[in-house]
Amino acid sequence: MWKIALAFVAFAVLAIFILSKGGDIDMGGEKHGTEVTHEAPSPALAASAAASAPAR
């Protein structure tokens, strides 16, 4: 039983460490309304989306 508790604590410490090194991480859930910020897609992403779209 103590091994399970130790593994849980080790995993939690690792997860908190990774999240703290990640930069601007919002753990607030879904956003609705004026606080939502929509970024324009990068040109490479737009080009790949256009290339993968079926021609009509």
N, C-alpha and C. Protein backbone atom coordinates (compact mmCIF):
# COMPACT_ATOMS: atom_id res chain seq x y z
N MET A 1 0.83 -1.20 0.00
CA MET A 1 0.00 0.00 0.00
C MET A 1 0.87 1.26 0.00
N TRP A 2 1.97 1.20 0.73
CA TRP A 2 2.82 2.38 0.80
C TRP A 2 3.48 2.67 -0.54
N LYS A 3 3.64 1.64 -1.37
CA LYS A 3 4.23 1.84 -2.70
C LYS A 3 3.29 2.64 -3.60
N ILE A 4 2.00 2.37 -3.46
CA ILE A 4 1.01 3.12 -4.26
C ILE A 4 1.02 4.58 -3.85
N ALA A 5 1.05 4.85 -2.55
CA ALA A 5 1.08 6.23 -2.06
C ALA A 5 2.35 6.94 -2.50
N LEU A 6 3.48 6.24 -2.44
CA LEU A 6 4.74 6.83 -2.87
C LEU A 6 4.72 7.13 -4.36
N ALA A 7 4.17 6.23 -5.17
CA ALA A 7 4.07 6.45 -6.61
C ALA A 7 3.16 7.64 -6.92
N PHE A 8 2.07 7.77 -6.18
CA PHE A 8 1.15 8.90 -6.39
C PHE A 8 1.85 10.22 -6.07
N VAL A 9 2.56 10.27 -4.97
CA VAL A 9 3.27 11.50 -4.59
C VAL A 9 4.35 11.83 -5.61
N ALA A 10 5.09 10.82 -6.07
CA ALA A 10 6.13 11.06 -7.07
C ALA A 10 5.52 11.57 -8.37
N PHE A 11 4.40 11.00 -8.80
CA PHE A 11 3.74 11.45 -10.02
C PHE A 11 3.22 12.88 -9.86
N ALA A 12 2.65 13.20 -8.70
CA ALA A 12 2.13 14.55 -8.46
C ALA A 12 3.26 15.58 -8.48
N VAL A 13 4.39 15.25 -7.87
CA VAL A 13 5.53 16.16 -7.87
C VAL A 13 6.04 16.37 -9.29
N LEU A 14 6.14 15.30 -10.06
CA LEU A 14 6.58 15.41 -11.44
C LEU A 14 5.61 16.25 -12.28
N ALA A 15 4.32 16.04 -12.09
CA ALA A 15 3.32 16.80 -12.85
C ALA A 15 3.38 18.29 -12.51
N ILE A 16 3.52 18.62 -11.24
CA ILE A 16 3.61 20.02 -10.84
C ILE A 16 4.89 20.65 -11.38
N PHE A 17 5.99 19.90 -11.37
CA PHE A 17 7.24 20.41 -11.92
C PHE A 17 7.11 20.71 -13.41
N ILE A 18 6.52 19.79 -14.16
CA ILE A 18 6.36 19.98 -15.61
C ILE A 18 5.43 21.16 -15.90
N LEU A 19 4.33 21.27 -15.15
CA LEU A 19 3.40 22.38 -15.36
C LEU A 19 4.04 23.72 -15.00
N SER A 20 4.88 23.75 -13.98
CA SER A 20 5.53 25.01 -13.59
C SER A 20 6.56 25.45 -14.63
N LYS A 21 7.16 24.51 -15.35
CA LYS A 21 8.15 24.85 -16.38
C LYS A 21 7.49 25.17 -17.71
N GLY A 22 6.18 24.94 -17.84
CA GLY A 22 5.50 25.08 -19.11
C GLY A 22 5.22 26.49 -19.55
N GLY A 23 5.33 27.47 -18.68
CA GLY A 23 5.04 28.84 -19.07
C GLY A 23 3.63 29.24 -18.71
N ASP A 24 2.94 29.88 -19.64
CA ASP A 24 1.60 30.42 -19.38
C ASP A 24 0.56 29.32 -19.60
N ILE A 25 0.22 28.61 -18.54
CA ILE A 25 -0.76 27.53 -18.63
C ILE A 25 -2.01 27.97 -17.87
N ASP A 26 -3.15 27.96 -18.56
CA ASP A 26 -4.41 28.37 -17.95
C ASP A 26 -5.19 27.12 -17.56
N MET A 27 -5.37 26.90 -16.27
CA MET A 27 -6.11 25.74 -15.78
C MET A 27 -7.55 26.13 -15.42
N GLY A 28 -8.05 27.22 -16.01
CA GLY A 28 -9.35 27.75 -15.64
C GLY A 28 -10.53 27.10 -16.34
N GLY A 29 -10.32 26.21 -17.25
CA GLY A 29 -11.44 25.59 -17.95
C GLY A 29 -11.84 26.38 -19.18
N GLU A 30 -13.06 26.13 -19.64
CA GLU A 30 -13.54 26.80 -20.84
C GLU A 30 -13.81 28.27 -20.56
N LYS A 31 -13.54 29.09 -21.55
CA LYS A 31 -13.77 30.53 -21.44
C LYS A 31 -14.89 30.94 -22.39
N HIS A 32 -15.77 31.78 -21.89
CA HIS A 32 -16.87 32.29 -22.69
C HIS A 32 -16.98 33.78 -22.45
N GLY A 33 -17.24 34.52 -23.51
CA GLY A 33 -17.46 35.95 -23.35
C GLY A 33 -16.26 36.77 -23.73
N THR A 34 -16.07 37.88 -23.01
CA THR A 34 -15.05 38.86 -23.40
C THR A 34 -13.64 38.44 -23.06
N GLU A 35 -13.47 37.50 -22.15
CA GLU A 35 -12.10 37.09 -21.78
C GLU A 35 -11.47 36.13 -22.77
N VAL A 36 -12.22 35.72 -23.80
CA VAL A 36 -11.70 34.79 -24.81
C VAL A 36 -10.80 35.55 -25.76
N THR A 37 -9.62 35.00 -26.02
CA THR A 37 -8.72 35.58 -27.02
C THR A 37 -8.52 34.56 -28.12
N HIS A 38 -8.78 34.97 -29.34
CA HIS A 38 -8.61 34.10 -30.50
C HIS A 38 -7.39 34.59 -31.27
N GLU A 39 -6.44 33.69 -31.43
CA GLU A 39 -5.25 34.04 -32.19
C GLU A 39 -5.42 33.59 -33.63
N ALA A 40 -4.86 34.35 -34.55
CA ALA A 40 -4.91 33.98 -35.96
C ALA A 40 -4.03 32.76 -36.18
N PRO A 41 -4.46 31.84 -37.03
CA PRO A 41 -3.62 30.66 -37.28
C PRO A 41 -2.34 31.05 -38.01
N SER A 42 -1.31 30.27 -37.75
CA SER A 42 -0.03 30.56 -38.41
C SER A 42 -0.16 30.30 -39.91
N PRO A 43 0.64 30.96 -40.73
CA PRO A 43 0.56 30.73 -42.19
C PRO A 43 0.82 29.28 -42.58
N ALA A 44 1.74 28.60 -41.88
CA ALA A 44 2.01 27.21 -42.20
C ALA A 44 0.80 26.33 -41.91
N LEU A 45 0.11 26.61 -40.81
CA LEU A 45 -1.09 25.84 -40.46
C LEU A 45 -2.20 26.11 -41.48
N ALA A 46 -2.38 27.34 -41.90
CA ALA A 46 -3.40 27.66 -42.89
C ALA A 46 -3.10 26.99 -44.22
N ALA A 47 -1.82 26.97 -44.61
CA ALA A 47 -1.45 26.35 -45.88
C ALA A 47 -1.66 24.84 -45.84
N SER A 48 -1.35 24.22 -44.71
CA SER A 48 -1.54 22.77 -44.63
C SER A 48 -3.02 22.43 -44.60
N ALA A 49 -3.83 23.27 -43.99
CA ALA A 49 -5.28 23.03 -43.96
C ALA A 49 -5.86 23.19 -45.37
N ALA A 50 -5.37 24.17 -46.12
CA ALA A 50 -5.86 24.36 -47.49
C ALA A 50 -5.42 23.23 -48.40
N ALA A 51 -4.23 22.70 -48.17
CA ALA A 51 -3.72 21.61 -49.01
C ALA A 51 -4.45 20.31 -48.73
N SER A 52 -4.91 20.11 -47.50
CA SER A 52 -5.57 18.86 -47.17
C SER A 52 -7.07 18.91 -47.45
N ALA A 53 -7.61 20.07 -47.79
CA ALA A 53 -9.04 20.18 -48.09
C ALA A 53 -9.32 19.53 -49.44
N PRO A 54 -10.43 18.80 -49.55
CA PRO A 54 -10.76 18.16 -50.83
C PRO A 54 -11.16 19.21 -51.87
N ALA A 55 -10.75 18.98 -53.10
CA ALA A 55 -11.09 19.91 -54.21
C ALA A 55 -12.49 19.59 -54.69
N ARG A 56 -13.24 20.64 -55.03
CA ARG A 56 -14.61 20.45 -55.51
C ARG A 56 -14.72 20.87 -56.93
